[in-house]
Amino acid sequence: MKPEYLQPWERVYPTRDELLVAWSKWFELMSDEWDLFTATVVFKSGGLTPRPARWESEYKTRVIQKIRRAIEPNPKNQDRAIPYEEFFFYEKDDSSFFRISRSHKPHHIHALIPIRKAQVYRFWSTDNSSLQERIRKDIYSIETVQSFLAEPVKTNHTVDWVKYLYKGKQI
């Protein structure tokens, strides 16, 4: 018997890597029901002070709402249009080691957005491999959004995207 099971007062938590692999396996397990997309939203901001709650709220109430409305025309079903919309992370001071830029780093959110297979055509255009023009215009109509990038996650690359979203963050 493992020694950690002999001490019931001590909790054994999974490691960071175990959690990341578990998340990616869960997303891949559900791939028969939905297609997974990555999204990066960069916000226009005037201040240097990071206020994650503001930008997370902006993402949840405006950006995700625009996507919900586009993929589910029936208002009664819009709350359930995106199967899991809570997998996003705010960043301000994080940037790539390979990116050489000025000292100002924008407020932005990275997210994984699952879209049901039956509704993907309303979100992603397979003809020109890009976001549907209607959604692009809707998202850019939000005055605080500077840019929006969405891409489909390739098969067996989910773990790479999950690790990228979590880069250096506490779980």
Protein backbone atom coordinates (compact mmCIF):
# COMPACT_ATOMS: atom_id res chain seq x y z
CA MET A 1 0.00 0.00 0.00
CA LYS A 2 1.21 3.49 -0.81
CA PRO A 3 2.42 5.43 2.22
CA GLU A 4 0.23 8.46 1.36
CA TYR A 5 -2.87 6.31 1.86
CA LEU A 6 -1.76 5.36 5.35
CA GLN A 7 -1.95 8.95 6.54
CA PRO A 8 -5.59 10.02 6.14
CA TRP A 9 -5.02 13.49 7.63
CA GLU A 10 -2.73 14.44 4.75
CA ARG A 11 -4.30 15.32 1.44
CA VAL A 12 -2.53 14.23 -1.69
CA TYR A 13 -3.03 16.70 -4.50
CA PRO A 14 -2.14 16.07 -8.11
CA THR A 15 0.87 17.88 -9.48
CA ARG A 16 0.57 20.77 -11.89
CA ASP A 17 1.53 18.58 -14.85
CA GLU A 18 -0.99 15.92 -13.84
CA LEU A 19 -3.74 18.55 -13.77
CA LEU A 20 -2.76 19.91 -17.17
CA VAL A 21 -2.78 16.44 -18.71
CA ALA A 22 -6.15 15.70 -17.07
CA TRP A 23 -7.65 18.90 -18.53
CA SER A 24 -6.35 18.13 -22.01
CA LYS A 25 -7.59 14.52 -21.83
CA TRP A 26 -11.03 15.77 -20.81
CA PHE A 27 -11.15 18.17 -23.76
CA GLU A 28 -9.99 15.41 -26.12
CA LEU A 29 -12.50 12.95 -24.65
CA MET A 30 -15.31 15.33 -25.57
CA SER A 31 -14.01 15.83 -29.13
CA ASP A 32 -16.76 13.64 -30.57
CA GLU A 33 -19.34 16.19 -29.32
CA TRP A 34 -17.53 19.47 -29.91
CA ASP A 35 -14.66 21.14 -31.75
CA LEU A 36 -12.18 23.04 -29.64
CA PHE A 37 -10.95 26.53 -30.53
CA THR A 38 -8.33 28.76 -28.98
CA ALA A 39 -9.04 32.44 -28.58
CA THR A 40 -6.93 35.43 -27.65
CA VAL A 41 -8.64 38.72 -26.88
CA VAL A 42 -6.46 41.82 -26.52
CA PHE A 43 -8.10 44.78 -24.81
CA LYS A 44 -7.53 48.48 -25.28
CA SER A 45 -6.46 49.85 -21.95
CA GLY A 46 -5.15 53.08 -20.61
CA GLY A 47 -3.71 52.04 -17.28
CA LEU A 48 -0.67 50.10 -16.24
CA THR A 49 -2.42 48.68 -13.20
CA PRO A 50 -3.67 45.18 -13.89
CA ARG A 51 -7.31 44.71 -12.95
CA PRO A 52 -8.05 41.11 -13.86
CA ALA A 53 -11.64 41.20 -12.58
CA ARG A 54 -12.55 43.97 -15.02
CA TRP A 55 -11.10 42.26 -18.08
CA GLU A 56 -12.43 38.84 -17.11
CA SER A 57 -15.87 40.38 -16.72
CA GLU A 58 -15.52 42.11 -20.09
CA TYR A 59 -14.62 38.78 -21.67
CA LYS A 60 -17.47 36.85 -20.02
CA THR A 61 -20.23 39.41 -20.45
CA ARG A 62 -19.38 40.83 -23.85
CA VAL A 63 -17.08 38.64 -25.94
CA ILE A 64 -18.58 35.29 -24.94
CA GLN A 65 -22.08 36.74 -25.19
CA LYS A 66 -21.44 37.81 -28.79
CA ILE A 67 -20.23 34.31 -29.63
CA ARG A 68 -23.25 32.73 -27.89
CA ARG A 69 -25.68 34.90 -29.84
CA ALA A 70 -24.01 34.04 -33.13
CA ILE A 71 -23.97 30.27 -32.65
CA GLU A 72 -27.39 29.95 -31.00
CA PRO A 73 -30.14 32.14 -32.51
CA ASN A 74 -32.76 31.05 -29.95
CA PRO A 75 -32.40 33.33 -26.87
CA LYS A 76 -33.71 30.58 -24.57
CA ASN A 77 -30.79 28.31 -25.47
CA GLN A 78 -28.00 30.88 -25.51
CA ASP A 79 -26.93 30.14 -21.94
CA ARG A 80 -26.09 26.58 -23.00
CA ALA A 81 -24.64 27.44 -26.42
CA ILE A 82 -21.03 26.99 -25.31
CA PRO A 83 -20.61 23.73 -23.35
CA TYR A 84 -17.78 25.00 -21.11
CA GLU A 85 -16.77 28.64 -21.18
CA GLU A 86 -14.78 28.99 -17.96
CA PHE A 87 -11.40 27.88 -19.32
CA PHE A 88 -9.72 31.26 -19.79
CA PHE A 89 -6.83 33.13 -18.21
CA TYR A 90 -6.03 36.81 -17.90
CA GLU A 91 -2.50 38.04 -18.58
CA LYS A 92 -0.86 41.42 -18.34
CA ASP A 93 2.83 41.05 -17.68
CA ASP A 94 3.38 37.69 -19.35
CA SER A 95 4.85 37.57 -22.82
CA SER A 96 6.82 35.21 -24.97
CA PHE A 97 10.58 34.97 -24.55
CA PHE A 98 10.86 35.16 -28.34
CA ARG A 99 8.84 38.34 -28.68
CA ILE A 100 10.80 41.54 -28.67
CA SER A 101 8.48 44.43 -27.98
CA ARG A 102 8.19 47.68 -26.17
CA SER A 103 7.76 47.65 -22.42
CA HIS A 104 3.96 48.02 -22.60
CA LYS A 105 2.29 44.65 -22.47
CA PRO A 106 -1.44 44.65 -23.22
CA HIS A 107 -4.23 43.26 -21.08
CA HIS A 108 -5.34 40.06 -22.78
CA ILE A 109 -7.15 36.79 -22.22
CA HIS A 110 -6.32 33.37 -23.61
CA ALA A 111 -9.16 30.86 -23.75
CA LEU A 112 -10.23 27.47 -25.00
CA ILE A 113 -13.76 27.58 -26.39
CA PRO A 114 -15.60 24.35 -27.21
CA ILE A 115 -18.26 24.67 -29.91
CA ARG A 116 -20.76 21.89 -30.60
CA LYS A 117 -20.07 20.14 -33.91
CA ALA A 118 -23.58 20.94 -35.15
CA GLN A 119 -22.93 24.67 -34.62
CA VAL A 120 -19.31 25.03 -35.74
CA TYR A 121 -20.35 26.38 -39.14
CA ARG A 122 -21.85 29.41 -37.38
CA PHE A 123 -18.51 30.15 -35.70
CA TRP A 124 -15.81 29.00 -38.10
CA SER A 125 -15.75 29.21 -41.90
CA THR A 126 -14.19 26.07 -43.35
CA ASP A 127 -14.11 27.65 -46.82
CA ASN A 128 -11.47 30.21 -45.93
CA SER A 129 -10.35 28.76 -42.56
CA SER A 130 -11.25 31.79 -40.51
CA LEU A 131 -13.73 33.15 -38.05
CA GLN A 132 -17.16 33.90 -39.52
CA GLU A 133 -17.30 37.51 -40.65
CA ARG A 134 -20.44 38.22 -38.61
CA ILE A 135 -18.76 37.19 -35.34
CA ARG A 136 -15.60 39.10 -36.23
CA LYS A 137 -17.61 42.29 -36.79
CA ASP A 138 -19.64 41.75 -33.61
CA ILE A 139 -16.54 41.27 -31.48
CA TYR A 140 -14.73 44.26 -32.97
CA SER A 141 -17.82 46.38 -32.28
CA ILE A 142 -16.96 46.12 -28.57
CA GLU A 143 -15.12 49.36 -27.86
CA THR A 144 -12.60 47.81 -25.46
CA VAL A 145 -11.48 45.01 -27.81
CA GLN A 146 -8.30 45.77 -29.71
CA SER A 147 -7.89 42.41 -31.42
CA PHE A 148 -9.36 38.92 -31.45
CA LEU A 149 -7.75 35.77 -32.77
CA ALA A 150 -9.39 32.35 -32.92
CA GLU A 151 -7.97 29.10 -34.28
CA PRO A 152 -9.11 25.49 -34.19
CA VAL A 153 -7.05 23.20 -31.98
CA LYS A 154 -5.51 20.41 -34.00
CA THR A 155 -6.02 16.82 -32.93
CA ASN A 156 -3.53 15.68 -30.27
CA HIS A 157 -2.35 19.26 -29.66
CA THR A 158 -4.76 20.03 -26.84
CA VAL A 159 -2.14 19.44 -24.16
CA ASP A 160 0.15 21.99 -25.83
CA TRP A 161 -2.57 24.64 -25.75
CA VAL A 162 -3.52 23.86 -22.15
CA LYS A 163 0.12 24.20 -21.09
CA TYR A 164 0.41 27.46 -23.03
CA LEU A 165 -2.63 28.90 -21.27
CA TYR A 166 -1.25 27.91 -17.87
CA LYS A 167 2.30 29.10 -18.50
CA GLY A 168 3.68 29.98 -15.08
CA LYS A 169 0.30 30.27 -13.35
CA GLN A 170 -0.70 28.73 -10.05
CA ILE A 171 -3.38 26.08 -10.22
